[in-house]
Protein backbone atom coordinates (compact mmCIF):
# COMPACT_ATOMS: atom_id res chain seq x y z
CA MET A 1 0.00 0.00 0.00
CA LEU A 2 1.03 3.60 -0.51
CA VAL A 3 0.83 5.82 2.57
CA SER A 4 0.69 9.63 2.78
CA ARG A 5 1.25 11.48 6.07
CA PHE A 6 0.37 15.12 6.64
CA LYS A 7 1.22 16.78 9.92
CA GLY A 8 -0.32 19.95 11.34
CA PHE A 9 -3.57 20.14 9.35
CA LYS A 10 -7.21 19.96 10.37
CA ILE A 11 -10.75 19.88 9.00
CA GLY A 12 -12.02 23.39 9.61
CA ALA A 13 -15.55 22.76 8.35
CA LEU A 14 -17.70 20.02 6.83
CA SER A 15 -21.06 20.51 5.16
CA VAL A 16 -23.43 18.25 3.20
CA ALA A 17 -26.36 18.98 0.87
CA VAL A 18 -29.03 16.55 -0.37
CA PRO A 19 -32.04 17.01 -2.67
CA SER A 20 -35.56 16.98 -1.26
CA HIS A 21 -37.04 14.28 -3.51
CA LYS A 22 -37.18 11.15 -1.36
CA ILE A 23 -37.95 7.74 -2.83
CA GLN A 24 -39.16 4.99 -0.52
CA ILE A 25 -37.98 1.48 -1.26
CA SER A 26 -41.63 0.43 -1.55
CA ASP A 27 -41.96 2.80 -4.52
CA PHE A 28 -40.06 0.18 -6.56
CA TYR A 29 -42.64 -2.57 -6.00
CA GLU A 30 -44.32 -1.83 -9.31
CA SER A 31 -41.05 -1.92 -11.26
CA PHE A 32 -39.34 -4.92 -9.69
CA GLY A 33 -41.93 -6.78 -7.62
CA LYS A 34 -42.46 -6.76 -3.87
CA ASP A 35 -40.52 -9.95 -3.10
CA LEU A 36 -37.38 -8.84 -4.96
CA VAL A 37 -37.50 -5.32 -3.49
CA ASP A 38 -38.00 -6.53 0.08
CA LYS A 39 -35.15 -9.03 -0.27
CA PHE A 40 -32.91 -6.31 -1.69
CA SER A 41 -33.82 -3.91 1.13
CA GLU A 42 -33.03 -6.49 3.80
CA MET A 43 -29.63 -7.31 2.29
CA ALA A 44 -28.57 -3.78 1.29
CA GLY A 45 -30.15 -2.01 4.26
CA VAL A 46 -31.76 0.65 2.05
CA LYS A 47 -35.17 1.99 3.08
CA GLN A 48 -35.07 5.34 1.29
CA ILE A 49 -32.93 7.32 -1.17
CA ALA A 50 -32.94 10.91 -2.48
CA HIS A 51 -32.60 11.85 -6.14
CA THR A 52 -32.05 15.20 -7.82
CA SER A 53 -34.28 16.73 -10.43
CA LEU A 54 -33.21 16.49 -14.06
CA LYS A 55 -31.74 20.01 -13.91
CA GLN A 56 -29.82 19.74 -10.64
CA THR A 57 -26.25 18.45 -11.07
CA ALA A 58 -23.62 17.08 -8.72
CA SER A 59 -21.84 20.43 -8.72
CA ASP A 60 -25.07 22.18 -7.68
CA LEU A 61 -25.14 20.04 -4.51
CA GLY A 62 -21.44 20.70 -3.88
CA PHE A 63 -21.99 24.42 -4.40
CA ILE A 64 -24.83 24.49 -1.88
CA ALA A 65 -22.68 22.70 0.70
CA ALA A 66 -19.78 25.13 0.12
CA GLU A 67 -22.02 28.18 0.39
CA LYS A 68 -23.28 26.90 3.75
CA VAL A 69 -19.67 26.71 4.95
CA PHE A 70 -19.04 30.34 4.01
CA GLU A 71 -22.36 31.43 5.53
CA SER A 72 -21.39 29.72 8.79
CA GLY A 73 -18.27 31.89 9.08
CA LYS A 74 -15.98 28.88 9.42
CA ALA A 75 -14.07 29.93 6.29
CA LYS A 76 -13.75 32.99 4.08
CA ARG A 77 -13.75 32.92 0.31
CA GLU A 78 -10.48 34.87 0.10
CA ASP A 79 -8.72 32.22 2.19
CA ILE A 80 -9.27 29.44 -0.36
CA GLY A 81 -6.19 28.68 -2.45
CA VAL A 82 -7.08 25.14 -3.54
CA LEU A 83 -10.37 23.84 -4.96
CA VAL A 84 -10.65 20.12 -5.67
CA PHE A 85 -13.86 18.66 -7.08
CA VAL A 86 -14.38 14.88 -6.93
CA SER A 87 -17.18 13.42 -9.04
CA GLN A 88 -17.99 11.07 -11.89
CA LYS A 89 -20.84 13.33 -12.97
CA PRO A 90 -19.20 16.60 -14.14
CA ASP A 91 -21.10 19.51 -15.67
CA PHE A 92 -19.22 19.39 -18.98
CA ARG A 93 -16.54 17.39 -20.78
CA ILE A 94 -14.60 20.67 -20.97
CA PRO A 95 -13.84 22.63 -18.81
CA ALA A 96 -13.29 20.87 -15.50
CA THR A 97 -16.19 21.52 -13.13
CA SER A 98 -13.87 22.95 -10.46
CA PHE A 99 -13.49 26.05 -12.66
CA VAL A 100 -17.27 26.44 -12.82
CA LEU A 101 -17.42 26.17 -9.03
CA GLN A 102 -14.59 28.70 -8.65
CA LYS A 103 -16.66 31.19 -10.63
CA ARG A 104 -19.93 30.44 -8.84
CA LEU A 105 -18.35 30.63 -5.38
CA GLY A 106 -16.56 33.90 -6.17
CA LEU A 107 -13.12 32.66 -5.12
CA GLY A 108 -11.02 34.97 -7.28
CA GLU A 109 -8.05 34.16 -9.52
CA ASN A 110 -5.49 32.97 -6.98
CA VAL A 111 -6.85 29.44 -6.74
CA ILE A 112 -5.54 26.09 -7.97
CA CYS A 113 -8.52 24.17 -9.43
CA GLN A 114 -8.55 20.44 -10.11
CA ASP A 115 -11.11 17.73 -10.88
CA ILE A 116 -10.75 14.08 -9.84
CA ASN A 117 -12.79 11.47 -11.72
CA LEU A 118 -13.43 8.98 -8.93
CA ALA A 119 -16.46 7.54 -7.20
CA CYS A 120 -16.66 5.66 -3.91
CA SER A 121 -13.00 6.02 -2.91
CA GLY A 122 -12.95 9.64 -4.04
CA PHE A 123 -13.19 11.44 -0.71
CA ILE A 124 -9.93 9.96 0.58
CA PHE A 125 -8.12 10.43 -2.73
CA GLY A 126 -9.44 14.00 -2.66
CA LEU A 127 -8.02 14.51 0.84
CA GLN A 128 -4.61 13.33 -0.34
CA THR A 129 -4.62 15.63 -3.38
CA SER A 130 -5.91 18.66 -1.45
CA LEU A 131 -3.43 18.27 1.40
CA SER A 132 -0.52 17.66 -1.00
CA ILE A 133 -1.18 20.93 -2.82
CA LEU A 134 -1.95 22.80 0.39
CA SER A 135 1.35 21.68 1.93
CA ASN A 136 3.19 23.99 -0.46
CA LEU A 137 0.95 27.03 -0.08
CA LYS A 138 1.36 29.55 2.71
CA GLY A 139 -1.63 31.20 4.36
CA LYS A 140 -4.25 29.41 2.28
CA LYS A 141 -6.96 26.80 2.83
CA ALA A 142 -8.24 24.01 0.60
CA LEU A 143 -11.87 23.43 -0.34
CA LEU A 144 -12.60 19.78 -1.16
CA ILE A 145 -15.98 19.24 -2.80
CA THR A 146 -17.32 15.74 -3.42
CA ALA A 147 -20.65 15.09 -5.12
CA ASP A 148 -22.42 12.60 -7.34
CA THR A 149 -25.77 12.01 -9.01
CA SER A 150 -25.13 8.36 -9.80
CA TYR A 151 -28.63 7.40 -10.91
CA LYS A 152 -28.44 9.70 -13.96
CA THR A 153 -26.40 7.14 -15.89
CA MET A 154 -28.25 4.07 -14.64
CA SER A 155 -30.89 2.10 -16.42
CA PRO A 156 -34.22 2.44 -14.56
CA GLN A 157 -34.54 -1.31 -15.14
CA ASP A 158 -31.30 -2.13 -13.34
CA ARG A 159 -32.56 -3.84 -10.19
CA THR A 160 -28.99 -4.19 -8.86
CA MET A 161 -28.21 -0.45 -8.84
CA PHE A 162 -31.23 1.80 -9.33
CA MET A 163 -32.61 1.18 -5.83
CA LEU A 164 -29.19 1.54 -4.18
CA PHE A 165 -27.72 4.91 -5.10
CA GLY A 166 -28.68 8.30 -3.71
CA ASP A 167 -27.48 11.82 -4.52
CA SER A 168 -25.65 14.36 -2.35
CA GLY A 169 -22.75 16.80 -2.24
CA SER A 170 -20.28 17.90 0.40
CA ALA A 171 -17.75 20.62 1.09
CA VAL A 172 -14.78 20.21 3.42
CA VAL A 173 -12.31 22.95 4.37
CA LEU A 174 -8.76 21.83 5.10
CA GLU A 175 -6.36 24.20 6.81
CA LYS A 176 -3.16 24.50 8.84
CA ASP A 177 -3.64 23.77 12.54
CA ASP A 178 -1.28 26.01 14.51
CA LEU A 179 -2.61 24.76 17.86
CA ASN A 180 -2.06 21.07 17.13
CA ARG A 181 1.05 20.89 14.99
CA GLU A 182 1.50 17.19 15.74
CA GLN A 183 -1.94 16.20 14.45
CA ILE A 184 -1.55 13.74 11.60
CA PHE A 185 -3.64 12.71 8.60
CA GLU A 186 -2.43 9.25 7.63
CA LEU A 187 -3.92 7.90 4.39
CA ALA A 188 -3.34 4.58 2.59
CA PHE A 189 -4.14 3.65 -1.01
CA ARG A 190 -4.30 0.78 -3.48
CA THR A 191 -5.59 0.56 -7.07
CA ASN A 192 -6.17 -2.22 -9.61
CA GLY A 193 -6.69 -0.98 -13.15
CA ASP A 194 -6.76 -4.56 -14.41
CA LYS A 195 -10.37 -4.62 -13.25
CA PHE A 196 -11.44 -1.26 -14.70
CA LYS A 197 -14.42 -2.89 -16.39
CA SER A 198 -15.90 -3.96 -13.04
CA ILE A 199 -17.75 -0.63 -12.76
CA ILE A 200 -18.01 1.16 -16.08
CA THR A 201 -20.10 3.44 -18.26
CA PRO A 202 -18.88 2.22 -21.67
CA ALA A 203 -20.00 5.17 -23.83
CA GLY A 204 -20.33 8.91 -23.43
CA ALA A 205 -16.69 10.01 -23.64
CA PHE A 206 -14.28 9.45 -26.53
CA ARG A 207 -13.42 5.73 -26.57
CA ASN A 208 -16.88 4.70 -27.80
CA ARG A 209 -18.27 8.08 -28.75
CA ASN A 210 -20.35 6.93 -31.72
CA LEU A 211 -22.28 4.10 -30.11
CA LYS A 212 -26.05 4.40 -30.39
CA PRO A 213 -28.05 4.32 -27.14
CA ILE A 214 -29.91 1.13 -27.94
CA ASP A 215 -31.61 -0.59 -25.02
CA GLU A 216 -31.13 -4.35 -25.06
CA VAL A 217 -30.96 -7.27 -22.66
CA TRP A 218 -27.42 -7.79 -21.33
CA SER A 219 -25.91 -11.06 -20.10
CA ASP A 220 -27.23 -10.43 -16.56
CA ASP A 221 -30.80 -10.27 -17.93
CA ILE A 222 -31.06 -6.51 -17.32
CA VAL A 223 -32.11 -4.04 -20.03
CA ARG A 224 -29.59 -1.21 -20.46
CA ASN A 225 -27.55 0.57 -23.12
CA ASP A 226 -23.88 1.51 -23.40
CA TYR A 227 -24.53 4.93 -21.86
CA ASN A 228 -25.74 3.29 -18.65
CA THR A 229 -23.39 2.44 -15.80
CA HIS A 230 -22.79 -1.29 -15.45
CA MET A 231 -21.44 -3.02 -12.35
CA LYS A 232 -20.24 -6.61 -12.22
CA GLY A 233 -21.94 -7.30 -8.93
CA MET A 234 -20.18 -10.46 -7.80
CA ALA A 235 -16.72 -9.18 -8.77
CA VAL A 236 -17.25 -5.90 -6.88
CA PHE A 237 -18.70 -7.77 -3.90
CA GLU A 238 -15.68 -10.09 -3.74
CA PHE A 239 -13.32 -7.11 -3.99
CA SER A 240 -15.19 -5.30 -1.22
CA ILE A 241 -15.03 -8.15 1.29
CA THR A 242 -11.48 -9.30 0.39
CA ASP A 243 -9.22 -6.43 -0.72
CA VAL A 244 -10.77 -3.73 1.46
CA PRO A 245 -10.45 -5.53 4.82
CA LYS A 246 -6.92 -6.57 3.87
CA LEU A 247 -5.99 -2.90 3.39
CA ILE A 248 -7.55 -1.92 6.73
CA ASN A 249 -5.75 -4.74 8.53
CA ASP A 250 -2.47 -3.80 6.82
CA PHE A 251 -3.08 -0.24 7.95
CA TYR A 252 -3.55 -1.43 11.53
CA LYS A 253 -0.13 -3.08 11.37
CA TYR A 254 1.53 -0.09 9.72
CA THR A 255 0.19 2.34 12.31
CA ASN A 256 0.41 -0.09 15.25
CA THR A 257 -3.32 0.34 15.94
CA ASP A 258 -6.41 -1.82 16.14
CA ALA A 259 -10.15 -1.29 16.32
CA SER A 260 -9.91 -0.03 19.89
CA SER A 261 -7.71 2.86 18.73
CA TYR A 262 -10.58 4.66 16.99
CA ASP A 263 -13.78 6.23 18.26
CA ASN A 264 -15.69 5.37 15.09
CA PHE A 265 -15.24 3.81 11.67
CA ILE A 266 -16.68 5.98 8.91
CA LEU A 267 -16.97 3.55 6.01
CA HIS A 268 -18.28 3.88 2.49
CA GLN A 269 -21.93 2.88 2.62
CA ALA A 270 -21.74 0.25 -0.12
CA ASN A 271 -24.47 -1.89 1.39
CA LEU A 272 -25.34 -3.24 4.81
CA TYR A 273 -24.10 -6.77 4.16
CA ILE A 274 -20.66 -5.52 3.07
CA LEU A 275 -20.43 -3.30 6.17
CA LYS A 276 -21.17 -6.31 8.35
CA GLN A 277 -18.43 -8.27 6.59
CA LEU A 278 -15.92 -5.45 7.14
CA SER A 279 -16.93 -5.36 10.79
CA ARG A 280 -16.23 -9.08 11.15
CA LYS A 281 -13.00 -9.22 9.14
CA CYS A 282 -11.47 -6.11 10.73
CA LYS A 283 -12.70 -6.91 14.25
CA ILE A 284 -14.73 -3.70 14.45
CA PRO A 285 -17.64 -3.61 16.93
CA PHE A 286 -20.60 -2.96 14.65
CA GLU A 287 -21.88 -0.20 16.95
CA LYS A 288 -18.74 1.75 16.00
CA ILE A 289 -19.90 1.93 12.36
CA PRO A 290 -22.53 4.69 11.96
CA LEU A 291 -25.02 4.05 9.16
CA SER A 292 -26.65 6.35 6.65
CA ILE A 293 -27.37 3.70 4.00
CA ASP A 294 -30.87 3.15 5.39
CA ARG A 295 -32.07 6.71 4.71
CA PHE A 296 -29.72 7.90 1.94
CA GLY A 297 -28.44 4.80 0.14
CA ASN A 298 -24.98 4.51 -1.40
CA ASN A 299 -23.73 8.06 -2.02
CA SER A 300 -20.56 7.27 -3.96
CA SER A 301 -17.70 9.72 -3.21
CA ASN A 302 -19.85 11.50 -0.66
CA SER A 303 -20.56 8.58 1.70
CA ILE A 304 -18.00 9.54 4.35
CA PRO A 305 -18.96 13.25 4.71
CA LEU A 306 -22.65 12.29 4.66
CA VAL A 307 -22.24 9.85 7.56
CA LEU A 308 -20.33 12.49 9.55
CA SER A 309 -22.95 15.18 9.00
CA ASP A 310 -25.79 12.75 9.61
CA HIS A 311 -24.48 11.46 12.95
CA PHE A 312 -22.21 14.09 14.48
CA SER A 313 -23.45 17.56 13.50
CA ASN A 314 -25.46 17.84 16.70
CA ALA A 315 -23.03 15.93 18.92
CA ASP A 316 -21.37 17.39 22.00
CA ASN A 317 -18.19 19.25 21.14
CA LYS A 318 -15.35 16.76 21.13
CA THR A 319 -12.50 15.55 18.96
CA LEU A 320 -13.06 12.20 17.30
CA ARG A 321 -10.32 9.87 16.14
CA LEU A 322 -11.70 8.13 13.08
CA LEU A 323 -10.72 5.42 10.67
CA ILE A 324 -12.24 6.13 7.27
CA SER A 325 -12.42 3.90 4.21
CA GLY A 326 -13.78 4.22 0.67
CA PHE A 327 -13.71 1.71 -2.20
CA GLY A 328 -15.10 1.38 -5.70
CA ALA A 329 -14.58 2.20 -9.36
CA GLY A 330 -11.12 1.90 -10.81
CA LEU A 331 -10.86 -0.38 -8.99
CA SER A 332 -9.60 1.85 -6.19
CA TRP A 333 -9.66 1.60 -2.42
CA ALA A 334 -8.30 3.66 0.43
CA CYS A 335 -8.40 4.09 4.18
CA GLY A 336 -6.98 6.52 6.69
CA ALA A 337 -6.83 7.88 10.21
CA ILE A 338 -8.07 11.41 10.79
CA ASN A 339 -9.26 13.65 13.62
CA ILE A 340 -12.27 15.93 13.45
CA ASP A 341 -13.84 18.32 15.96
CA THR A 342 -17.59 17.81 15.96
CA GLN A 343 -18.12 21.57 16.36
CA ASN A 344 -16.89 21.91 12.76
CA ILE A 345 -19.53 19.55 11.34
CA LEU A 346 -22.60 21.33 9.97
CA PRO A 347 -26.02 19.68 9.71
CA ILE A 348 -27.34 18.27 6.44
CA PHE A 349 -28.94 20.91 4.21
CA ILE A 350 -31.80 20.13 1.84
CA SER A 351 -32.01 22.03 -1.44
CA ASP A 352 -33.17 21.58 -5.03
CA ASP A 353 -31.41 24.70 -6.34
CA PHE A 354 -29.56 24.48 -9.61
CA PHE A 355 -27.31 26.75 -11.65
CA ILE A 356 -28.68 28.94 -14.42
CA GLU A 357 -25.97 30.72 -16.42
């Protein structure tokens, strides 16, 4: 595994935005049948998800979350020197969406903007990128925005994915911590591009740009076209319960820690069954794993911030030592140890606003 260590930084603010349109799992009875839906809900742990309107994008949700940070007074626009946007649902092919967000947020010209095309591991990869750039900038803060609207490239007939994924966006401010110079972000990473087809949207960019969007029955007996996201369910499941716990256990050894060393484990909300397997294989008491999958579903790159805002925004002021982990498309997987003061976690905001140029 590759490990990055950053000393003397902190999370100065964390904010999450979700759309208002809630879909109950029972709403899928007509499409997929009650027995299948109930079985899926029991295994995945999903009772409800939230989807955006057709006009609201991932960056709209990230923008709302960032605006709430500035409105809270926990950061000023002029202090931002780094803007990283993590999503697999950008506004345009060109330019990168981080430039659009720079304009909308009024951050000025002295900002390094960068997009990262990642999904479920994206928050931790985004932390590494943001902190790496910030390490070489004096007197500036980084704004890490993660967001996704996964369902917009899914076939409505895909019973394996359409009921699972919800939409949200987050904004996290990273800054120097002069009071706790010894505080460490320690982040570990692995990737396996050999399995890039495990989660893929085959068309829509430039490799297969001329394919026609023809709906047909695929080998898994699901109707979709090449512009829909396809996940090889069993391959991704095996990866999630094999490679991910191995990374976490390797991280324990590297850092000389174990499950008792952390207050909570903030894990990507892939599905309930996978979370239970990670609990067992990494010897984590399940009560140390907060859940948001039941009310928000799988939120891709935004799972970790969403869990934090969902469970700790109204907590008593204290510093939490957390182990975080995200895993998904690429294939890519990561984990890390971070601290966060609960007073810097804002509550979840609900908004359907979208950008009109």
